[in-house]
Amino acid sequence: MNTFDQRKDGFEKKFAHDEELQFKAQARRNKLLGLWAADLMGITGDDADAYAKEVIKADFEEAGDDDVFRKVRADFDAKNVDQSDHQLRRTMDELLATAMEQIQNEA
């Protein structure tokens, strides 16, 4: 194997690793978001965990964060939770950073 092939393999492995970390961080962020949203809606205990799982599942509807945002936004609207779109998106960003940090600290 020549140097070019070794570099190519290294880049492919790094890309796969980065994608796996991103997937794990997104899933963890969605769980944290679900628990945060459940708290604001007055959902506790096992019901809060179940709601967090619903938020995680919502992320598989389409690429990107819009499916998760729409689910939580609709649930907030149904429960009359006073959170603006900006606040919700900011919390999503903050929780993604938290999730990335948690995953990196576990490694």
C-alpha atoms as a PDB file:
ATOM      1  CA  MET A   1       0.000   0.000   0.000  1.00  0.00           C
ATOM      2  CA  ASN A   2       1.454   3.346  -0.960  1.00  0.00           C
ATOM      3  CA  THR A   3       1.346   6.589   0.998  1.00  0.00           C
ATOM      4  CA  PHE A   4      -1.583   7.928  -1.015  1.00  0.00           C
ATOM      5  CA  ASP A   5      -3.690   4.861  -0.214  1.00  0.00           C
ATOM      6  CA  GLN A   6      -2.758   5.099   3.460  1.00  0.00           C
ATOM      7  CA  ARG A   7      -3.786   8.745   3.588  1.00  0.00           C
ATOM      8  CA  LYS A   8      -7.033   7.956   1.767  1.00  0.00           C
ATOM      9  CA  ASP A   9      -7.831   5.174   4.250  1.00  0.00           C
ATOM     10  CA  GLY A  10      -6.997   7.490   7.136  1.00  0.00           C
ATOM     11  CA  PHE A  11      -9.350  10.182   5.839  1.00  0.00           C
ATOM     12  CA  GLU A  12     -12.125   7.646   5.278  1.00  0.00           C
ATOM     13  CA  LYS A  13     -11.768   6.305   8.824  1.00  0.00           C
ATOM     14  CA  LYS A  14     -11.752   9.823  10.265  1.00  0.00           C
ATOM     15  CA  PHE A  15     -14.841  10.742   8.253  1.00  0.00           C
ATOM     16  CA  ALA A  16     -16.688   7.612   9.456  1.00  0.00           C
ATOM     17  CA  HIS A  17     -15.642   8.310  13.050  1.00  0.00           C
ATOM     18  CA  ASP A  18     -16.765  11.952  12.841  1.00  0.00           C
ATOM     19  CA  GLU A  19     -20.115  10.930  11.353  1.00  0.00           C
ATOM     20  CA  GLU A  20     -20.658   8.403  14.140  1.00  0.00           C
ATOM     21  CA  LEU A  21     -19.879  11.026  16.786  1.00  0.00           C
ATOM     22  CA  GLN A  22     -22.244  13.493  15.115  1.00  0.00           C
ATOM     23  CA  PHE A  23     -25.028  10.880  15.067  1.00  0.00           C
ATOM     24  CA  LYS A  24     -24.497  10.063  18.749  1.00  0.00           C
ATOM     25  CA  ALA A  25     -24.420  13.748  19.657  1.00  0.00           C
ATOM     26  CA  GLN A  26     -27.653  14.427  17.750  1.00  0.00           C
ATOM     27  CA  ALA A  27     -29.396  11.525  19.484  1.00  0.00           C
ATOM     28  CA  ARG A  28     -28.155  12.648  22.901  1.00  0.00           C
ATOM     29  CA  ARG A  29     -29.144  16.249  22.162  1.00  0.00           C
ATOM     30  CA  ASN A  30     -32.625  15.067  21.238  1.00  0.00           C
ATOM     31  CA  LYS A  31     -32.917  13.135  24.498  1.00  0.00           C
ATOM     32  CA  LEU A  32     -31.761  16.165  26.504  1.00  0.00           C
ATOM     33  CA  LEU A  33     -34.161  18.356  24.523  1.00  0.00           C
ATOM     34  CA  GLY A  34     -37.019  15.955  25.173  1.00  0.00           C
ATOM     35  CA  LEU A  35     -36.328  15.945  28.910  1.00  0.00           C
ATOM     36  CA  TRP A  36     -36.059  19.750  28.946  1.00  0.00           C
ATOM     37  CA  ALA A  37     -39.308  20.129  27.001  1.00  0.00           C
ATOM     38  CA  ALA A  38     -41.072  17.558  29.171  1.00  0.00           C
ATOM     39  CA  ASP A  39     -40.106  19.537  32.262  1.00  0.00           C
ATOM     40  CA  LEU A  40     -41.541  22.742  30.779  1.00  0.00           C
ATOM     41  CA  MET A  41     -44.762  20.904  29.937  1.00  0.00           C
ATOM     42  CA  GLY A  42     -45.054  19.443  33.436  1.00  0.00           C
ATOM     43  CA  ILE A  43     -44.288  15.882  32.328  1.00  0.00           C
ATOM     44  CA  THR A  44     -42.260  13.906  34.890  1.00  0.00           C
ATOM     45  CA  GLY A  45     -40.849  10.471  35.638  1.00  0.00           C
ATOM     46  CA  ASP A  46     -41.343   7.654  33.169  1.00  0.00           C
ATOM     47  CA  ASP A  47     -43.605   9.858  31.066  1.00  0.00           C
ATOM     48  CA  ALA A  48     -40.741  12.330  30.624  1.00  0.00           C
ATOM     49  CA  ASP A  49     -38.448   9.510  29.495  1.00  0.00           C
ATOM     50  CA  ALA A  50     -41.111   8.305  27.071  1.00  0.00           C
ATOM     51  CA  TYR A  51     -41.497  11.817  25.683  1.00  0.00           C
ATOM     52  CA  ALA A  52     -37.723  12.112  25.223  1.00  0.00           C
ATOM     53  CA  LYS A  53     -37.829   8.887  23.188  1.00  0.00           C
ATOM     54  CA  GLU A  54     -40.567  10.409  21.011  1.00  0.00           C
ATOM     55  CA  VAL A  55     -38.318  13.399  20.338  1.00  0.00           C
ATOM     56  CA  ILE A  56     -35.456  11.062  19.392  1.00  0.00           C
ATOM     57  CA  LYS A  57     -37.752   9.174  16.995  1.00  0.00           C
ATOM     58  CA  ALA A  58     -38.940  12.426  15.420  1.00  0.00           C
ATOM     59  CA  ASP A  59     -35.408  13.033  14.155  1.00  0.00           C
ATOM     60  CA  PHE A  60     -35.686  10.081  11.769  1.00  0.00           C
ATOM     61  CA  GLU A  61     -38.480  11.679   9.719  1.00  0.00           C
ATOM     62  CA  GLU A  62     -36.166  13.795   7.564  1.00  0.00           C
ATOM     63  CA  ALA A  63     -32.609  15.074   7.397  1.00  0.00           C
ATOM     64  CA  GLY A  64     -31.731  18.025   9.609  1.00  0.00           C
ATOM     65  CA  ASP A  65     -33.254  19.398  12.776  1.00  0.00           C
ATOM     66  CA  ASP A  66     -36.536  20.736  11.421  1.00  0.00           C
ATOM     67  CA  ASP A  67     -38.485  17.561  12.214  1.00  0.00           C
ATOM     68  CA  VAL A  68     -37.409  17.706  15.870  1.00  0.00           C
ATOM     69  CA  PHE A  69     -38.090  21.434  16.044  1.00  0.00           C
ATOM     70  CA  ARG A  70     -41.611  20.995  14.583  1.00  0.00           C
ATOM     71  CA  LYS A  71     -42.461  18.211  17.033  1.00  0.00           C
ATOM     72  CA  VAL A  72     -41.409  20.139  20.124  1.00  0.00           C
ATOM     73  CA  ARG A  73     -42.924  23.387  18.775  1.00  0.00           C
ATOM     74  CA  ALA A  74     -46.284  21.652  18.177  1.00  0.00           C
ATOM     75  CA  ASP A  75     -46.204  20.074  21.634  1.00  0.00           C
ATOM     76  CA  PHE A  76     -45.377  23.414  23.250  1.00  0.00           C
ATOM     77  CA  ASP A  77     -48.240  25.045  21.363  1.00  0.00           C
ATOM     78  CA  ALA A  78     -50.644  22.283  22.431  1.00  0.00           C
ATOM     79  CA  LYS A  79     -49.624  22.719  26.087  1.00  0.00           C
ATOM     80  CA  ASN A  80     -49.446  26.542  25.901  1.00  0.00           C
ATOM     81  CA  VAL A  81     -45.751  26.619  26.827  1.00  0.00           C
ATOM     82  CA  ASP A  82     -44.362  30.113  26.334  1.00  0.00           C
ATOM     83  CA  GLN A  83     -41.154  29.553  24.347  1.00  0.00           C
ATOM     84  CA  SER A  84     -40.346  31.441  21.169  1.00  0.00           C
ATOM     85  CA  ASP A  85     -38.953  29.729  18.092  1.00  0.00           C
ATOM     86  CA  HIS A  86     -35.673  31.523  18.753  1.00  0.00           C
ATOM     87  CA  GLN A  87     -35.521  30.251  22.334  1.00  0.00           C
ATOM     88  CA  LEU A  88     -36.250  26.705  21.203  1.00  0.00           C
ATOM     89  CA  ARG A  89     -33.590  26.758  18.463  1.00  0.00           C
ATOM     90  CA  ARG A  90     -31.058  28.342  20.848  1.00  0.00           C
ATOM     91  CA  THR A  91     -31.718  25.600  23.393  1.00  0.00           C
ATOM     92  CA  MET A  92     -31.296  22.979  20.664  1.00  0.00           C
ATOM     93  CA  ASP A  93     -27.898  24.483  19.794  1.00  0.00           C
ATOM     94  CA  GLU A  94     -26.831  24.687  23.440  1.00  0.00           C
ATOM     95  CA  LEU A  95     -27.871  21.096  24.114  1.00  0.00           C
ATOM     96  CA  LEU A  96     -25.989  19.887  21.026  1.00  0.00           C
ATOM     97  CA  ALA A  97     -22.834  21.495  22.408  1.00  0.00           C
ATOM     98  CA  THR A  98     -23.524  19.857  25.782  1.00  0.00           C
ATOM     99  CA  ALA A  99     -24.069  16.476  24.137  1.00  0.00           C
ATOM    100  CA  MET A 100     -20.831  16.765  22.125  1.00  0.00           C
ATOM    101  CA  GLU A 101     -18.921  17.634  25.281  1.00  0.00           C
ATOM    102  CA  GLN A 102     -20.419  14.704  27.175  1.00  0.00           C
ATOM    103  CA  ILE A 103     -19.545  12.255  24.403  1.00  0.00           C
ATOM    104  CA  GLN A 104     -15.995  13.556  24.096  1.00  0.00           C
ATOM    105  CA  ASN A 105     -15.514  13.241  27.864  1.00  0.00           C
ATOM    106  CA  GLU A 106     -16.705   9.626  27.758  1.00  0.00           C
ATOM    107  CA  ALA A 107     -14.107   8.630  25.164  1.00  0.00           C
END
